[in-house]
Amino acid sequence: MNEKFYHTLSVVFCVLVVLSSVIASKLFPSPVFPSLALSSSIVVYPFTYLISSLVTEIFGANRARQIILMGFSMCVLTQLIFTVMLMLPNHHMTNQNALESVFQLSQVALFSSMIICMIGQFLNIYLYNSIYQWTGNKHLWLRVNMSSSISQAYDTMCVTSLFYYFGVPLPIGDIVKLVVISYLFKVSIGMVMTPIYYQCVKFMKKNRDSSISLLNEQH
């Protein structure tokens, strides 16, 4: 049963990481500053932190690192496929401009953001383990929210600045506003999902094999 949980979480994590890169160019009005636009990826990507935290809690840090590497490998593969697809000869029935507007992003900015996000995920696992060493089995809410809040602060500051400075050029003042709004949005998702996270941990601990111990692969 435990391996089924792990494989399911791995697949969901990979799908969310890939989708986050695909839908990044879809913008929607900021709820605080309607004249500014937020990337749709901020609705999806925060859930990857919850999944990596959940895998760390149940299966250990080593296996959490595995799904992170797997997810970003799939993201790179997806972008390579998009690049080849756009290079194919265009048929007159195809709206090439529409396809390029969706799939053809700045490759430098894209791969830079992937690396930043991957570092943020590894940071999340490190912080999660560190907080666990401090609190033990208690205060699950603390380690899941504190680790993701700190790592997403780094993630959001770097990726959002990169996206809006190179991808959608904006004044520095507007970028700062979007960084703050994006970060608060992501953190809010994590906090709202905390009760569900508790239930997932409880269910998985109850149904996992007895051979698996909490954070048994943390080093």
N, C-alpha and C. Protein backbone atom coordinates (compact mmCIF):
# COMPACT_ATOMS: atom_id res chain seq x y z
N MET A 1 0.82 -1.21 0.00
CA MET A 1 0.00 0.00 0.00
C MET A 1 0.85 1.26 0.00
N ASN A 2 1.98 1.22 0.75
CA ASN A 2 2.80 2.42 0.85
C ASN A 2 3.39 2.83 -0.50
N GLU A 3 3.78 1.86 -1.33
CA GLU A 3 4.34 2.18 -2.63
C GLU A 3 3.29 2.77 -3.56
N LYS A 4 2.05 2.33 -3.43
CA LYS A 4 0.97 2.91 -4.23
C LYS A 4 0.79 4.38 -3.87
N PHE A 5 0.84 4.69 -2.57
CA PHE A 5 0.76 6.08 -2.13
C PHE A 5 1.88 6.90 -2.76
N TYR A 6 3.08 6.35 -2.67
CA TYR A 6 4.25 7.08 -3.15
C TYR A 6 4.17 7.33 -4.65
N HIS A 7 3.81 6.31 -5.41
CA HIS A 7 3.72 6.45 -6.87
C HIS A 7 2.62 7.44 -7.25
N THR A 8 1.51 7.40 -6.53
CA THR A 8 0.42 8.34 -6.81
C THR A 8 0.85 9.77 -6.57
N LEU A 9 1.51 10.00 -5.43
CA LEU A 9 1.99 11.34 -5.11
C LEU A 9 3.05 11.80 -6.11
N SER A 10 3.88 10.88 -6.56
CA SER A 10 4.91 11.21 -7.55
C SER A 10 4.29 11.68 -8.86
N VAL A 11 3.26 10.97 -9.31
CA VAL A 11 2.60 11.32 -10.56
C VAL A 11 1.92 12.69 -10.43
N VAL A 12 1.21 12.89 -9.34
CA VAL A 12 0.52 14.16 -9.13
C VAL A 12 1.53 15.31 -9.07
N PHE A 13 2.64 15.09 -8.37
CA PHE A 13 3.67 16.12 -8.27
C PHE A 13 4.21 16.48 -9.65
N CYS A 14 4.53 15.48 -10.45
CA CYS A 14 5.07 15.72 -11.79
C CYS A 14 4.08 16.48 -12.66
N VAL A 15 2.81 16.08 -12.60
CA VAL A 15 1.78 16.75 -13.40
C VAL A 15 1.66 18.22 -13.00
N LEU A 16 1.67 18.49 -11.70
CA LEU A 16 1.52 19.87 -11.22
C LEU A 16 2.72 20.74 -11.62
N VAL A 17 3.93 20.17 -11.54
CA VAL A 17 5.12 20.91 -11.94
C VAL A 17 5.07 21.24 -13.43
N VAL A 18 4.72 20.26 -14.25
CA VAL A 18 4.63 20.49 -15.69
C VAL A 18 3.54 21.50 -16.02
N LEU A 19 2.37 21.35 -15.42
CA LEU A 19 1.28 22.28 -15.68
C LEU A 19 1.64 23.70 -15.26
N SER A 20 2.37 23.82 -14.16
CA SER A 20 2.77 25.15 -13.69
C SER A 20 3.59 25.89 -14.73
N SER A 21 4.46 25.16 -15.42
CA SER A 21 5.29 25.81 -16.46
C SER A 21 4.48 26.10 -17.71
N VAL A 22 3.50 25.23 -18.01
CA VAL A 22 2.69 25.40 -19.22
C VAL A 22 1.75 26.59 -19.10
N ILE A 23 1.11 26.74 -17.94
CA ILE A 23 0.09 27.78 -17.77
C ILE A 23 0.66 29.10 -17.24
N ALA A 24 1.99 29.17 -17.10
CA ALA A 24 2.60 30.37 -16.51
C ALA A 24 2.27 31.63 -17.30
N SER A 25 2.11 31.50 -18.62
CA SER A 25 1.86 32.68 -19.45
C SER A 25 0.41 33.15 -19.40
N LYS A 26 -0.48 32.36 -18.80
CA LYS A 26 -1.88 32.78 -18.62
C LYS A 26 -1.95 33.69 -17.40
N LEU A 27 -2.35 34.93 -17.61
CA LEU A 27 -2.39 35.91 -16.54
C LEU A 27 -3.83 36.24 -16.15
N PHE A 28 -4.03 36.60 -14.89
CA PHE A 28 -5.34 37.05 -14.44
C PHE A 28 -5.17 38.27 -13.54
N PRO A 29 -6.19 39.12 -13.43
CA PRO A 29 -6.05 40.36 -12.66
C PRO A 29 -5.78 40.10 -11.19
N SER A 30 -4.87 40.87 -10.64
CA SER A 30 -4.59 40.78 -9.21
C SER A 30 -5.80 41.25 -8.41
N PRO A 31 -6.18 40.52 -7.36
CA PRO A 31 -7.35 40.91 -6.56
C PRO A 31 -7.15 42.23 -5.81
N VAL A 32 -5.90 42.60 -5.57
CA VAL A 32 -5.61 43.84 -4.83
C VAL A 32 -5.36 45.01 -5.78
N PHE A 33 -4.57 44.74 -6.83
CA PHE A 33 -4.27 45.77 -7.84
C PHE A 33 -4.74 45.23 -9.19
N PRO A 34 -6.01 45.44 -9.55
CA PRO A 34 -6.57 44.86 -10.79
C PRO A 34 -5.80 45.22 -12.06
N SER A 35 -5.07 46.32 -12.03
CA SER A 35 -4.32 46.71 -13.22
C SER A 35 -3.09 45.83 -13.43
N LEU A 36 -2.69 45.12 -12.36
CA LEU A 36 -1.55 44.22 -12.44
C LEU A 36 -2.04 42.78 -12.63
N ALA A 37 -1.22 41.96 -13.27
CA ALA A 37 -1.62 40.59 -13.58
C ALA A 37 -0.76 39.57 -12.85
N LEU A 38 -1.40 38.51 -12.39
CA LEU A 38 -0.71 37.41 -11.74
C LEU A 38 -0.67 36.20 -12.67
N SER A 39 0.37 35.41 -12.56
CA SER A 39 0.46 34.19 -13.36
C SER A 39 -0.44 33.11 -12.78
N SER A 40 -1.11 32.37 -13.64
CA SER A 40 -2.00 31.29 -13.20
C SER A 40 -1.25 30.19 -12.47
N SER A 41 0.05 30.12 -12.66
CA SER A 41 0.83 29.06 -12.02
C SER A 41 0.80 29.16 -10.49
N ILE A 42 0.52 30.36 -9.95
CA ILE A 42 0.50 30.49 -8.48
C ILE A 42 -0.71 29.80 -7.87
N VAL A 43 -1.69 29.43 -8.70
CA VAL A 43 -2.85 28.68 -8.20
C VAL A 43 -2.51 27.20 -8.07
N VAL A 44 -1.58 26.73 -8.90
CA VAL A 44 -1.24 25.31 -8.97
C VAL A 44 0.01 24.96 -8.19
N TYR A 45 1.06 25.77 -8.35
CA TYR A 45 2.37 25.39 -7.83
C TYR A 45 2.45 25.22 -6.32
N PRO A 46 1.74 26.00 -5.50
CA PRO A 46 1.83 25.80 -4.05
C PRO A 46 1.50 24.39 -3.59
N PHE A 47 0.69 23.67 -4.36
CA PHE A 47 0.33 22.31 -3.97
C PHE A 47 1.51 21.36 -4.09
N THR A 48 2.51 21.72 -4.91
CA THR A 48 3.70 20.86 -5.00
C THR A 48 4.47 20.86 -3.69
N TYR A 49 4.44 21.98 -2.97
CA TYR A 49 5.12 22.04 -1.68
C TYR A 49 4.42 21.14 -0.66
N LEU A 50 3.11 21.12 -0.72
CA LEU A 50 2.36 20.25 0.20
C LEU A 50 2.67 18.78 -0.08
N ILE A 51 2.80 18.44 -1.36
CA ILE A 51 3.08 17.05 -1.72
C ILE A 51 4.50 16.66 -1.30
N SER A 52 5.47 17.52 -1.56
CA SER A 52 6.85 17.18 -1.17
C SER A 52 6.97 17.10 0.35
N SER A 53 6.22 17.94 1.06
CA SER A 53 6.22 17.86 2.53
C SER A 53 5.58 16.56 3.00
N LEU A 54 4.50 16.17 2.34
CA LEU A 54 3.80 14.94 2.70
C LEU A 54 4.68 13.71 2.47
N VAL A 55 5.39 13.71 1.35
CA VAL A 55 6.30 12.59 1.06
C VAL A 55 7.44 12.56 2.09
N THR A 56 7.94 13.74 2.47
CA THR A 56 8.99 13.80 3.49
C THR A 56 8.49 13.25 4.83
N GLU A 57 7.27 13.61 5.19
CA GLU A 57 6.67 13.17 6.45
C GLU A 57 6.50 11.66 6.51
N ILE A 58 6.04 11.08 5.42
CA ILE A 58 5.69 9.66 5.41
C ILE A 58 6.85 8.77 4.95
N PHE A 59 7.56 9.18 3.90
CA PHE A 59 8.55 8.30 3.28
C PHE A 59 10.00 8.75 3.50
N GLY A 60 10.20 9.95 3.98
CA GLY A 60 11.55 10.43 4.22
C GLY A 60 12.05 11.39 3.15
N ALA A 61 13.10 12.11 3.50
CA ALA A 61 13.62 13.16 2.63
C ALA A 61 14.22 12.63 1.33
N ASN A 62 14.87 11.48 1.38
CA ASN A 62 15.49 10.94 0.16
C ASN A 62 14.45 10.68 -0.93
N ARG A 63 13.34 10.13 -0.54
CA ARG A 63 12.31 9.84 -1.55
C ARG A 63 11.61 11.11 -2.00
N ALA A 64 11.55 12.11 -1.12
CA ALA A 64 11.00 13.40 -1.52
C ALA A 64 11.91 14.05 -2.57
N ARG A 65 13.21 13.94 -2.36
CA ARG A 65 14.16 14.49 -3.34
C ARG A 65 14.02 13.78 -4.68
N GLN A 66 13.73 12.50 -4.64
CA GLN A 66 13.55 11.74 -5.89
C GLN A 66 12.40 12.28 -6.72
N ILE A 67 11.27 12.58 -6.07
CA ILE A 67 10.13 13.06 -6.86
C ILE A 67 10.38 14.49 -7.36
N ILE A 68 11.18 15.25 -6.62
CA ILE A 68 11.52 16.60 -7.09
C ILE A 68 12.36 16.51 -8.36
N LEU A 69 13.37 15.67 -8.35
CA LEU A 69 14.20 15.49 -9.54
C LEU A 69 13.38 14.93 -10.70
N MET A 70 12.48 14.00 -10.39
CA MET A 70 11.62 13.42 -11.42
C MET A 70 10.70 14.48 -12.02
N GLY A 71 10.10 15.29 -11.16
CA GLY A 71 9.17 16.31 -11.62
C GLY A 71 9.83 17.33 -12.53
N PHE A 72 11.01 17.79 -12.15
CA PHE A 72 11.67 18.80 -12.97
C PHE A 72 12.30 18.19 -14.21
N SER A 73 12.62 16.90 -14.19
CA SER A 73 13.07 16.22 -15.40
C SER A 73 11.93 16.15 -16.41
N MET A 74 10.72 15.86 -15.93
CA MET A 74 9.55 15.83 -16.80
C MET A 74 9.23 17.22 -17.36
N CYS A 75 9.51 18.24 -16.55
CA CYS A 75 9.28 19.61 -16.99
C CYS A 75 10.24 19.98 -18.13
N VAL A 76 11.50 19.60 -17.98
CA VAL A 76 12.49 19.84 -19.03
C VAL A 76 12.11 19.09 -20.30
N LEU A 77 11.71 17.82 -20.14
CA LEU A 77 11.31 17.01 -21.29
C LEU A 77 10.12 17.65 -22.01
N THR A 78 9.16 18.14 -21.24
CA THR A 78 7.98 18.77 -21.83
C THR A 78 8.37 19.99 -22.65
N GLN A 79 9.27 20.82 -22.10
CA GLN A 79 9.69 22.01 -22.82
C GLN A 79 10.47 21.66 -24.08
N LEU A 80 11.25 20.59 -24.03
CA LEU A 80 11.97 20.15 -25.23
C LEU A 80 10.99 19.69 -26.30
N ILE A 81 9.95 18.99 -25.89
CA ILE A 81 8.92 18.54 -26.84
C ILE A 81 8.21 19.74 -27.46
N PHE A 82 7.89 20.75 -26.65
CA PHE A 82 7.26 21.96 -27.16
C PHE A 82 8.16 22.64 -28.19
N THR A 83 9.45 22.69 -27.89
CA THR A 83 10.39 23.34 -28.80
C THR A 83 10.43 22.64 -30.14
N VAL A 84 10.51 21.30 -30.12
CA VAL A 84 10.52 20.52 -31.37
C VAL A 84 9.20 20.70 -32.11
N MET A 85 8.09 20.68 -31.38
CA MET A 85 6.77 20.84 -31.99
C MET A 85 6.66 22.16 -32.75
N LEU A 86 7.17 23.23 -32.16
CA LEU A 86 7.09 24.54 -32.80
C LEU A 86 8.03 24.66 -34.00
N MET A 87 9.06 23.81 -34.05
CA MET A 87 9.99 23.84 -35.17
C MET A 87 9.47 23.07 -36.39
N LEU A 88 8.43 22.25 -36.20
CA LEU A 88 7.88 21.49 -37.32
C LEU A 88 7.27 22.44 -38.36
N PRO A 89 7.29 22.03 -39.64
CA PRO A 89 6.69 22.88 -40.68
C PRO A 89 5.24 23.20 -40.37
N ASN A 90 4.85 24.43 -40.61
CA ASN A 90 3.51 24.90 -40.27
C ASN A 90 2.52 24.62 -41.40
N HIS A 91 1.36 24.06 -41.06
CA HIS A 91 0.29 23.86 -42.02
C HIS A 91 -0.59 25.10 -42.04
N HIS A 92 -1.20 25.39 -43.19
CA HIS A 92 -1.98 26.62 -43.30
C HIS A 92 -3.20 26.64 -42.37
N MET A 93 -3.63 25.44 -41.90
CA MET A 93 -4.78 25.38 -41.00
C MET A 93 -4.37 25.61 -39.54
N THR A 94 -3.09 25.68 -39.27
CA THR A 94 -2.60 25.85 -37.91
C THR A 94 -2.35 27.32 -37.60
N ASN A 95 -2.80 27.75 -36.45
CA ASN A 95 -2.54 29.13 -36.00
C ASN A 95 -1.22 29.12 -35.23
N GLN A 96 -0.13 29.25 -35.98
CA GLN A 96 1.20 29.16 -35.38
C GLN A 96 1.44 30.26 -34.35
N ASN A 97 0.92 31.44 -34.61
CA ASN A 97 1.13 32.55 -33.67
C ASN A 97 0.48 32.25 -32.31
N ALA A 98 -0.70 31.62 -32.36
CA ALA A 98 -1.39 31.28 -31.10
C ALA A 98 -0.60 30.24 -30.33
N LEU A 99 -0.06 29.25 -31.04
CA LEU A 99 0.73 28.21 -30.38
C LEU A 99 2.00 28.81 -29.77
N GLU A 100 2.64 29.69 -30.51
CA GLU A 100 3.88 30.29 -30.01
C GLU A 100 3.62 31.17 -28.80
N SER A 101 2.48 31.85 -28.79
CA SER A 101 2.18 32.72 -27.65
C SER A 101 1.98 31.93 -26.36
N VAL A 102 1.58 30.66 -26.50
CA VAL A 102 1.35 29.81 -25.32
C VAL A 102 2.61 29.05 -24.93
N PHE A 103 3.28 28.46 -25.91
CA PHE A 103 4.35 27.51 -25.61
C PHE A 103 5.76 28.06 -25.75
N GLN A 104 5.93 29.16 -26.47
CA GLN A 104 7.28 29.65 -26.70
C GLN A 104 7.62 30.74 -25.70
N LEU A 105 8.20 30.35 -24.58
CA LEU A 105 8.62 31.28 -23.55
C LEU A 105 10.13 31.50 -23.66
N SER A 106 10.62 32.52 -23.01
CA SER A 106 12.05 32.76 -22.97
C SER A 106 12.74 31.55 -22.35
N GLN A 107 13.59 30.89 -23.13
CA GLN A 107 14.23 29.67 -22.64
C GLN A 107 15.17 29.95 -21.46
N VAL A 108 15.86 31.07 -21.51
CA VAL A 108 16.76 31.42 -20.41
C VAL A 108 15.96 31.64 -19.13
N ALA A 109 14.88 32.44 -19.24
CA ALA A 109 14.05 32.71 -18.07
C ALA A 109 13.38 31.44 -17.57
N LEU A 110 12.94 30.60 -18.52
CA LEU A 110 12.23 29.39 -18.15
C LEU A 110 13.11 28.42 -17.38
N PHE A 111 14.28 28.13 -17.90
CA PHE A 111 15.15 27.17 -17.23
C PHE A 111 15.76 27.75 -15.95
N SER A 112 15.93 29.07 -15.93
CA SER A 112 16.39 29.70 -14.69
C SER A 112 15.35 29.55 -13.61
N SER A 113 14.06 29.74 -13.97
CA SER A 113 12.99 29.61 -12.99
C SER A 113 12.85 28.16 -12.53
N MET A 114 13.11 27.20 -13.43
CA MET A 114 13.06 25.78 -13.04
C MET A 114 14.10 25.48 -11.97
N ILE A 115 15.31 26.00 -12.19
CA ILE A 115 16.39 25.76 -11.23
C ILE A 115 16.06 26.39 -9.89
N ILE A 116 15.53 27.62 -9.93
CA ILE A 116 15.15 28.31 -8.70
C ILE A 116 14.08 27.53 -7.95
N CYS A 117 13.07 27.06 -8.69
CA CYS A 117 11.98 26.30 -8.06
C CYS A 117 12.50 25.00 -7.46
N MET A 118 13.42 24.34 -8.16
CA MET A 118 13.97 23.09 -7.64
C MET A 118 14.75 23.34 -6.35
N ILE A 119 15.52 24.41 -6.31
CA ILE A 119 16.24 24.77 -5.08
C ILE A 119 15.25 25.05 -3.96
N GLY A 120 14.14 25.74 -4.30
CA GLY A 120 13.11 26.02 -3.31
C GLY A 120 12.50 24.75 -2.74
N GLN A 121 12.31 23.75 -3.58
CA GLN A 121 11.75 22.48 -3.13
C GLN A 121 12.73 21.76 -2.20
N PHE A 122 14.02 21.75 -2.57
CA PHE A 122 15.02 21.13 -1.70
C PHE A 122 15.13 21.87 -0.37
N LEU A 123 15.01 23.19 -0.42
CA LEU A 123 15.04 23.99 0.80
C LEU A 123 13.86 23.63 1.69
N ASN A 124 12.71 23.41 1.08
CA ASN A 124 11.52 23.04 1.84
C ASN A 124 11.73 21.73 2.59
N ILE A 125 12.33 20.75 1.93
CA ILE A 125 12.60 19.46 2.57
C ILE A 125 13.60 19.62 3.72
N TYR A 126 14.64 20.40 3.48
CA TYR A 126 15.65 20.62 4.52
C TYR A 126 15.03 21.27 5.75
N LEU A 127 14.22 22.31 5.54
CA LEU A 127 13.58 23.00 6.65
C LEU A 127 12.59 22.10 7.37
N TYR A 128 11.85 21.32 6.60
CA TYR A 128 10.86 20.40 7.18
C TYR A 128 11.55 19.43 8.13
N ASN A 129 12.66 18.85 7.68
CA ASN A 129 13.42 17.92 8.53
C ASN A 129 14.00 18.61 9.74
N SER A 130 14.51 19.82 9.55
CA SER A 130 15.12 20.57 10.66
C SER A 130 14.09 20.88 11.73
N ILE A 131 12.91 21.30 11.30
CA ILE A 131 11.85 21.61 12.26
C ILE A 131 11.37 20.35 12.96
N TYR A 132 11.35 19.23 12.23
CA TYR A 132 10.95 17.96 12.84
C TYR A 132 11.93 17.55 13.95
N GLN A 133 13.23 17.78 13.69
CA GLN A 133 14.23 17.46 14.72
C GLN A 133 14.01 18.31 15.97
N TRP A 134 13.47 19.47 15.79
CA TRP A 134 13.23 20.38 16.90
C TRP A 134 11.93 20.07 17.64
N THR A 135 10.88 19.71 16.91
CA THR A 135 9.56 19.51 17.51
C THR A 135 9.18 18.05 17.71
N GLY A 136 9.88 17.12 17.02
CA GLY A 136 9.49 15.72 17.11
C GLY A 136 8.17 15.49 16.39
N ASN A 137 7.34 14.58 16.92
CA ASN A 137 6.07 14.27 16.28
C ASN A 137 5.00 15.34 16.50
N LYS A 138 5.30 16.31 17.34
CA LYS A 138 4.32 17.35 17.64
C LYS A 138 4.36 18.48 16.61
N HIS A 139 3.32 19.29 16.62
CA HIS A 139 3.27 20.53 15.82
C HIS A 139 3.46 20.29 14.33
N LEU A 140 2.68 19.39 13.77
CA LEU A 140 2.72 19.14 12.34
C LEU A 140 2.41 20.41 11.55
N TRP A 141 1.45 21.19 12.04
CA TRP A 141 1.08 22.43 11.36
C TRP A 141 2.25 23.40 11.26
N LEU A 142 3.13 23.37 12.28
CA LEU A 142 4.26 24.28 12.29
C LEU A 142 5.27 23.94 11.21
N ARG A 143 5.63 22.66 11.13
CA ARG A 143 6.66 22.31 10.17
C ARG A 143 6.18 22.41 8.72
N VAL A 144 4.91 22.08 8.46
CA VAL A 144 4.45 22.16 7.08
C VAL A 144 4.29 23.61 6.64
N ASN A 145 3.79 24.48 7.53
CA ASN A 145 3.58 25.87 7.15
C ASN A 145 4.86 26.70 7.21
N MET A 146 5.69 26.48 8.21
CA MET A 146 6.92 27.26 8.32
C MET A 146 7.89 26.91 7.20
N SER A 147 8.06 25.62 6.93
CA SER A 147 9.00 25.22 5.88
C SER A 147 8.57 25.74 4.51
N SER A 148 7.27 25.60 4.20
CA SER A 148 6.79 26.06 2.90
C SER A 148 6.78 27.58 2.80
N SER A 149 6.48 28.27 3.91
CA SER A 149 6.45 29.73 3.89
C SER A 149 7.82 30.32 3.63
N ILE A 150 8.84 29.76 4.28
CA ILE A 150 10.20 30.27 4.08
C ILE A 150 10.71 29.95 2.68
N SER A 151 10.53 28.71 2.25
CA SER A 151 11.03 28.31 0.93
C SER A 151 10.28 29.01 -0.20
N GLN A 152 8.98 29.24 -0.01
CA GLN A 152 8.23 29.95 -1.04
C GLN A 152 8.53 31.44 -1.06
N ALA A 153 9.03 31.98 0.04
CA ALA A 153 9.46 33.38 0.04
C ALA A 153 10.64 33.53 -0.93
N TYR A 154 11.60 32.61 -0.82
CA TYR A 154 12.75 32.60 -1.74
C TYR A 154 12.27 32.35 -3.17
N ASP A 155 11.45 31.32 -3.33
CA ASP A 155 10.94 30.92 -4.64
C ASP A 155 10.21 32.08 -5.32
N THR A 156 9.27 32.69 -4.59
CA THR A 156 8.43 33.74 -5.17
C THR A 156 9.25 34.97 -5.52
N MET A 157 10.13 35.37 -4.63
CA MET A 157 10.93 36.56 -4.88
C MET A 157 11.77 36.41 -6.15
N CYS A 158 12.39 35.24 -6.31
CA CYS A 158 13.27 35.02 -7.46
C CYS A 158 12.48 34.79 -8.76
N VAL A 159 11.53 33.86 -8.73
CA VAL A 159 10.82 33.48 -9.95
C VAL A 159 9.90 34.60 -10.43
N THR A 160 9.15 35.21 -9.52
CA THR A 160 8.24 36.28 -9.93
C THR A 160 9.02 37.46 -10.49
N SER A 161 10.11 37.81 -9.86
CA SER A 161 10.94 38.92 -10.36
C SER A 161 11.47 38.59 -11.75
N LEU A 162 11.92 37.35 -11.91
CA LEU A 162 12.47 36.91 -13.20
C LEU A 162 11.40 36.94 -14.28
N PHE A 163 10.20 36.44 -13.96
CA PHE A 163 9.11 36.35 -14.92
C PHE A 163 8.66 37.73 -15.38
N TYR A 164 8.47 38.63 -14.42
CA TYR A 164 7.92 39.94 -14.76
C TYR A 164 8.99 40.93 -15.24
N TYR A 165 10.24 40.64 -14.99
CA TYR A 165 11.29 41.54 -15.48
C TYR A 165 11.68 41.20 -16.92
N PHE A 166 11.78 39.88 -17.21
CA PHE A 166 12.19 39.46 -18.54
C PHE A 166 11.01 39.01 -19.41
N GLY A 167 10.06 38.28 -18.82
CA GLY A 167 8.94 37.76 -19.61
C GLY A 167 7.88 38.80 -19.90
N VAL A 168 7.44 39.53 -18.89
CA VAL A 168 6.43 40.57 -19.04
C VAL A 168 7.01 41.84 -18.42
N PRO A 169 7.83 42.56 -19.16
CA PRO A 169 8.57 43.69 -18.58
C PRO A 169 7.67 44.69 -17.85
N LEU A 170 7.95 44.90 -16.57
CA LEU A 170 7.18 45.82 -15.75
C LEU A 170 8.13 46.68 -14.94
N PRO A 171 7.66 47.84 -14.47
CA PRO A 171 8.48 48.67 -13.58
C PRO A 171 8.79 47.92 -12.28
N ILE A 172 9.91 48.26 -11.66
CA ILE A 172 10.34 47.59 -10.44
C ILE A 172 9.28 47.69 -9.35
N GLY A 173 8.62 48.85 -9.22
CA GLY A 173 7.59 49.03 -8.20
C GLY A 173 6.44 48.05 -8.35
N ASP A 174 6.02 47.83 -9.59
CA ASP A 174 4.93 46.88 -9.85
C ASP A 174 5.38 45.45 -9.57
N ILE A 175 6.63 45.15 -9.88
CA ILE A 175 7.16 43.80 -9.62
C ILE A 175 7.16 43.51 -8.13
N VAL A 176 7.55 44.49 -7.33
CA VAL A 176 7.56 44.32 -5.88
C VAL A 176 6.15 44.03 -5.37
N LYS A 177 5.16 44.76 -5.87
CA LYS A 177 3.76 44.52 -5.48
C LYS A 177 3.33 43.10 -5.83
N LEU A 178 3.70 42.65 -7.03
CA LEU A 178 3.30 41.32 -7.49
C LEU A 178 4.00 40.22 -6.68
N VAL A 179 5.24 40.46 -6.29
CA VAL A 179 5.96 39.49 -5.45
C VAL A 179 5.23 39.31 -4.13
N VAL A 180 4.85 40.43 -3.50
CA VAL A 180 4.16 40.38 -2.21
C VAL A 180 2.80 39.69 -2.35
N ILE A 181 2.04 40.08 -3.37
CA ILE A 181 0.71 39.50 -3.56
C ILE A 181 0.81 38.01 -3.86
N SER A 182 1.74 37.64 -4.74
CA SER A 182 1.91 36.23 -5.10
C SER A 182 2.29 35.40 -3.87
N TYR A 183 3.19 35.94 -3.06
CA TYR A 183 3.63 35.22 -1.86
C TYR A 183 2.47 35.02 -0.89
N LEU A 184 1.72 36.07 -0.62
CA LEU A 184 0.58 35.96 0.30
C LEU A 184 -0.46 34.99 -0.23
N PHE A 185 -0.66 34.98 -1.54
CA PHE A 185 -1.61 34.05 -2.16
C PHE A 185 -1.17 32.61 -1.94
N LYS A 186 0.11 32.34 -2.18
CA LYS A 186 0.64 30.98 -2.03
C LYS A 186 0.58 30.51 -0.58
N VAL A 187 0.99 31.38 0.33
CA VAL A 187 0.98 31.02 1.75
C VAL A 187 -0.44 30.76 2.23
N SER A 188 -1.38 31.55 1.73
CA SER A 188 -2.79 31.37 2.11
C SER A 188 -3.31 30.00 1.69
N ILE A 189 -2.90 29.56 0.50
CA ILE A 189 -3.32 28.24 0.03
C ILE A 189 -2.80 27.16 0.98
N GLY A 190 -1.54 27.29 1.39
CA GLY A 190 -0.97 26.32 2.31
C GLY A 190 -1.69 26.27 3.64
N MET A 191 -2.04 27.44 4.16
CA MET A 191 -2.73 27.49 5.44
C MET A 191 -4.14 26.92 5.35
N VAL A 192 -4.84 27.24 4.26
CA VAL A 192 -6.19 26.72 4.07
C VAL A 192 -6.17 25.20 3.93
N MET A 193 -5.11 24.68 3.32
CA MET A 193 -5.01 23.24 3.08
C MET A 193 -4.48 22.47 4.29
N THR A 194 -4.08 23.15 5.34
CA THR A 194 -3.50 22.48 6.51
C THR A 194 -4.40 21.40 7.11
N PRO A 195 -5.70 21.66 7.32
CA PRO A 195 -6.57 20.58 7.86
C PRO A 195 -6.61 19.35 6.95
N ILE A 196 -6.61 19.58 5.64
CA ILE A 196 -6.62 18.46 4.69
C ILE A 196 -5.28 17.73 4.76
N TYR A 197 -4.20 18.49 4.92
CA TYR A 197 -2.88 17.88 5.06
C TYR A 197 -2.84 16.97 6.28
N TYR A 198 -3.42 17.43 7.39
CA TYR A 198 -3.50 16.62 8.61
C TYR A 198 -4.20 15.29 8.33
N GLN A 199 -5.31 15.36 7.61
CA GLN A 199 -6.08 14.15 7.32
C GLN A 199 -5.31 13.21 6.40
N CYS A 200 -4.58 13.76 5.45
CA CYS A 200 -3.77 12.93 4.55
C CYS A 200 -2.67 12.21 5.32
N VAL A 201 -2.00 12.94 6.21
CA VAL A 201 -0.94 12.33 7.03
C VAL A 201 -1.52 11.23 7.91
N LYS A 202 -2.65 11.52 8.54
CA LYS A 202 -3.30 10.54 9.42
C LYS A 202 -3.68 9.29 8.65
N PHE A 203 -4.27 9.47 7.49
CA PHE A 203 -4.70 8.33 6.67
C PHE A 203 -3.51 7.50 6.20
N MET A 204 -2.47 8.17 5.72
CA MET A 204 -1.33 7.45 5.18
C MET A 204 -0.53 6.73 6.26
N LYS A 205 -0.42 7.35 7.42
CA LYS A 205 0.28 6.68 8.53
C LYS A 205 -0.49 5.45 8.98
N LYS A 206 -1.79 5.55 8.95
CA LYS A 206 -2.63 4.44 9.38
C LYS A 206 -2.53 3.26 8.42
N ASN A 207 -2.34 3.55 7.12
CA ASN A 207 -2.38 2.51 6.11
C ASN A 207 -1.02 2.11 5.54
N ARG A 208 0.04 2.76 6.00
CA ARG A 208 1.35 2.41 5.46
C ARG A 208 1.85 1.11 6.10
N ASP A 209 2.87 0.52 5.47
CA ASP A 209 3.47 -0.69 6.02
C ASP A 209 4.19 -0.36 7.32
N SER A 210 4.20 -1.29 8.25
CA SER A 210 4.85 -1.06 9.53
C SER A 210 6.35 -0.91 9.41
N SER A 211 6.91 -1.34 8.26
CA SER A 211 8.36 -1.24 8.07
C SER A 211 8.81 0.18 7.81
N ILE A 212 7.87 1.07 7.52
CA ILE A 212 8.21 2.45 7.23
C ILE A 212 8.09 3.27 8.50
N SER A 213 9.14 3.91 8.88
CA SER A 213 9.13 4.77 10.06
C SER A 213 9.19 6.23 9.66
N LEU A 214 8.69 7.07 10.51
CA LEU A 214 8.60 8.49 10.22
C LEU A 214 9.98 9.08 9.94
N LEU A 215 10.09 9.71 8.76
CA LEU A 215 11.32 10.36 8.35
C LEU A 215 12.52 9.39 8.43
N ASN A 216 12.25 8.14 8.01
CA ASN A 216 13.31 7.14 8.15
C ASN A 216 14.44 7.31 7.13
N GLU A 217 14.24 8.23 6.17
CA GLU A 217 15.28 8.44 5.19
C GLU A 217 15.70 9.91 5.18
N GLN A 218 15.73 10.50 6.31
CA GLN A 218 15.94 11.93 6.35
C GLN A 218 17.38 12.32 6.01
N HIS A 219 18.34 11.43 6.07
CA HIS A 219 19.71 11.80 5.78
C HIS A 219 20.13 11.22 4.43
